[in-house]
């Protein structure tokens, strides 16, 4: 069995329940501007990619992923969302993954594993809006809440 690197060890041992929680608005401020941190969110996890400015820095190819939960982009394995629309508007966001199929979710999971090998998890993405009735688990709202929280 291959020995874990420093990132894998850290990410395996970190208790995500104790990490800082970021709304998508707060995460958007971690885009590397003004020498700030560069964070990429995937499936609720926030990874610090600041040390890889050559690929994620402002003006670089992967900067489009920085400062956002890019789960949907990873599911499509693209740096730009395909043209889609629905009445909810969710399919035009980079974070919504409730409609991704099994193959696309497999891609997302592979990207999460890729990032866990290379970058530290520094936080989790949470929704900053109260979702009515989620505690009771009514209808679609129950599934919606799961989108914002890391599965622990």
Protein backbone atom coordinates (compact mmCIF):
# COMPACT_ATOMS: atom_id res chain seq x y z
CA UNK A 1 0.00 0.00 0.00
CA UNK A 2 1.24 3.43 -0.96
CA UNK A 3 2.16 5.79 1.89
CA UNK A 4 -0.11 8.80 2.27
CA UNK A 5 1.33 12.22 1.49
CA UNK A 6 0.98 15.19 3.87
CA UNK A 7 -2.27 16.39 2.27
CA UNK A 8 -3.88 12.95 2.36
CA UNK A 9 -2.89 12.48 6.01
CA UNK A 10 -4.25 15.88 6.99
CA UNK A 11 -7.50 15.45 5.03
CA UNK A 12 -8.03 11.96 6.42
CA UNK A 13 -7.62 13.17 10.00
CA UNK A 14 -9.40 16.54 9.83
CA UNK A 15 -12.83 16.69 11.42
CA UNK A 16 -14.87 18.64 8.88
CA UNK A 17 -17.40 19.41 11.61
CA UNK A 18 -14.79 21.68 13.24
CA UNK A 19 -13.76 23.55 10.08
CA UNK A 20 -14.92 27.06 9.27
CA UNK A 21 -18.20 27.31 7.37
CA UNK A 22 -18.37 29.59 4.34
CA UNK A 23 -21.42 30.81 2.49
CA UNK A 24 -21.02 30.90 -1.27
CA UNK A 25 -20.70 34.69 -0.99
CA UNK A 26 -17.84 34.36 1.52
CA UNK A 27 -16.18 31.73 -0.65
CA UNK A 28 -16.37 34.09 -3.63
CA UNK A 29 -14.05 36.47 -1.77
CA UNK A 30 -11.33 33.78 -1.71
CA UNK A 31 -10.47 34.22 -5.37
CA UNK A 32 -6.80 35.21 -5.10
CA UNK A 33 -7.29 38.89 -5.77
CA UNK A 34 -5.15 41.27 -3.74
CA UNK A 35 -2.88 38.34 -2.78
CA UNK A 36 -5.72 36.73 -0.84
CA UNK A 37 -6.29 33.00 -0.51
CA UNK A 38 -7.53 30.90 -3.40
CA UNK A 39 -10.16 28.35 -2.46
CA UNK A 40 -12.00 25.83 -4.64
CA UNK A 41 -15.18 24.18 -3.42
CA UNK A 42 -16.20 20.71 -4.52
CA UNK A 43 -19.21 18.87 -3.14
CA UNK A 44 -19.20 21.09 -0.07
CA UNK A 45 -15.50 20.75 0.74
CA UNK A 46 -13.29 23.84 0.39
CA UNK A 47 -9.71 23.21 -0.73
CA UNK A 48 -6.87 25.73 -0.41
CA UNK A 49 -5.16 25.95 -3.83
CA UNK A 50 -3.23 29.12 -2.95
CA UNK A 51 0.10 27.29 -3.25
CA UNK A 52 -0.58 26.48 -6.90
CA UNK A 53 -0.92 30.02 -8.27
CA UNK A 54 0.68 28.91 -11.55
CA UNK A 55 -2.54 27.09 -12.42
CA UNK A 56 -5.19 28.72 -10.21
CA UNK A 57 -4.00 32.32 -9.96
CA UNK A 58 -5.79 35.30 -11.53
CA UNK A 59 -5.63 35.05 -15.31
CA UNK A 60 -4.66 31.37 -15.26
CA UNK A 61 -6.64 28.54 -16.85
CA UNK A 62 -8.14 27.07 -13.67
CA UNK A 63 -8.89 30.40 -12.00
CA UNK A 64 -12.49 29.97 -13.18
CA UNK A 65 -12.83 27.33 -10.42
CA UNK A 66 -11.48 29.60 -7.67
CA UNK A 67 -13.76 31.35 -5.22
CA UNK A 68 -16.74 29.09 -5.86
CA UNK A 69 -18.16 25.67 -5.27
CA UNK A 70 -17.49 24.26 -8.75
CA UNK A 71 -19.09 20.84 -8.23
CA UNK A 72 -21.28 21.11 -11.32
CA UNK A 73 -18.30 22.07 -13.48
CA UNK A 74 -16.40 19.02 -12.23
CA UNK A 75 -19.43 16.82 -12.96
CA UNK A 76 -19.41 17.99 -16.56
CA UNK A 77 -15.58 17.89 -16.59
CA UNK A 78 -15.64 21.37 -18.13
CA UNK A 79 -14.45 24.84 -17.20
CA UNK A 80 -17.69 26.37 -18.49
CA UNK A 81 -21.25 25.20 -17.91
CA UNK A 82 -23.14 23.86 -20.90
CA UNK A 83 -26.15 25.90 -22.05
CA UNK A 84 -29.10 24.69 -19.97
CA UNK A 85 -32.09 26.22 -18.37
CA UNK A 86 -34.85 25.17 -16.09
CA UNK A 87 -37.50 26.99 -14.13
CA UNK A 88 -35.52 26.85 -10.88
CA UNK A 89 -32.37 28.42 -12.33
CA UNK A 90 -30.29 25.87 -10.43
CA UNK A 91 -28.75 24.30 -13.53
CA UNK A 92 -27.08 27.61 -14.35
CA UNK A 93 -25.13 27.58 -11.07
CA UNK A 94 -21.72 25.97 -10.61
CA UNK A 95 -22.59 24.35 -7.28
CA UNK A 96 -25.89 22.53 -7.92
CA UNK A 97 -25.43 18.81 -8.53
CA UNK A 98 -28.82 17.35 -7.69
CA UNK A 99 -29.55 16.45 -11.30
CA UNK A 100 -26.16 14.95 -12.22
CA UNK A 101 -26.31 11.33 -13.30
CA UNK A 102 -24.25 8.47 -11.87
CA UNK A 103 -21.41 8.91 -14.36
CA UNK A 104 -21.19 12.63 -13.66
CA UNK A 105 -21.22 12.04 -9.89
CA UNK A 106 -18.43 9.52 -10.44
CA UNK A 107 -16.42 12.31 -12.08
CA UNK A 108 -17.14 14.60 -9.12
CA UNK A 109 -15.96 11.91 -6.69
CA UNK A 110 -12.76 11.42 -8.72
CA UNK A 111 -12.09 15.15 -8.59
CA UNK A 112 -12.67 15.21 -4.83
CA UNK A 113 -10.12 12.38 -4.48
CA UNK A 114 -7.70 14.28 -6.75
CA UNK A 115 -7.97 17.43 -4.64
CA UNK A 116 -7.67 15.51 -1.36
CA UNK A 117 -4.28 14.22 -2.55
CA UNK A 118 -3.00 17.69 -3.42
CA UNK A 119 -4.68 20.32 -1.25
CA UNK A 120 -5.86 20.78 2.32
CA UNK A 121 -9.52 20.96 3.18
CA UNK A 122 -9.88 24.31 4.94
CA UNK A 123 -13.64 24.68 5.27
CA UNK A 124 -17.07 23.66 4.16
CA UNK A 125 -19.65 25.43 2.02
CA UNK A 126 -23.00 26.05 3.66
CA UNK A 127 -26.04 27.85 2.40
CA UNK A 128 -26.56 31.28 3.85
CA UNK A 129 -30.31 31.16 3.27
CA UNK A 130 -32.75 29.46 5.62
CA UNK A 131 -34.61 26.68 3.83
CA UNK A 132 -38.15 26.38 5.15
CA UNK A 133 -39.19 23.06 6.64
CA UNK A 134 -35.88 21.29 6.10
CA UNK A 135 -35.85 19.96 9.64
CA UNK A 136 -39.14 18.20 9.01
CA UNK A 137 -37.81 16.76 5.75
CA UNK A 138 -40.65 17.86 3.50
CA UNK A 139 -40.47 17.23 -0.23
CA UNK A 140 -37.73 18.76 -2.32
CA UNK A 141 -36.45 20.95 0.52
CA UNK A 142 -35.01 17.91 2.25
CA UNK A 143 -32.87 17.11 -0.80
CA UNK A 144 -31.94 20.75 -1.30
CA UNK A 145 -30.32 21.04 2.11
CA UNK A 146 -28.07 18.07 1.37
CA UNK A 147 -26.59 20.07 -1.50
CA UNK A 148 -25.11 22.63 0.82
CA UNK A 149 -23.56 20.40 3.45
CA UNK A 150 -20.61 18.07 3.30
CA UNK A 151 -21.59 14.45 3.63
CA UNK A 152 -19.80 13.35 6.80
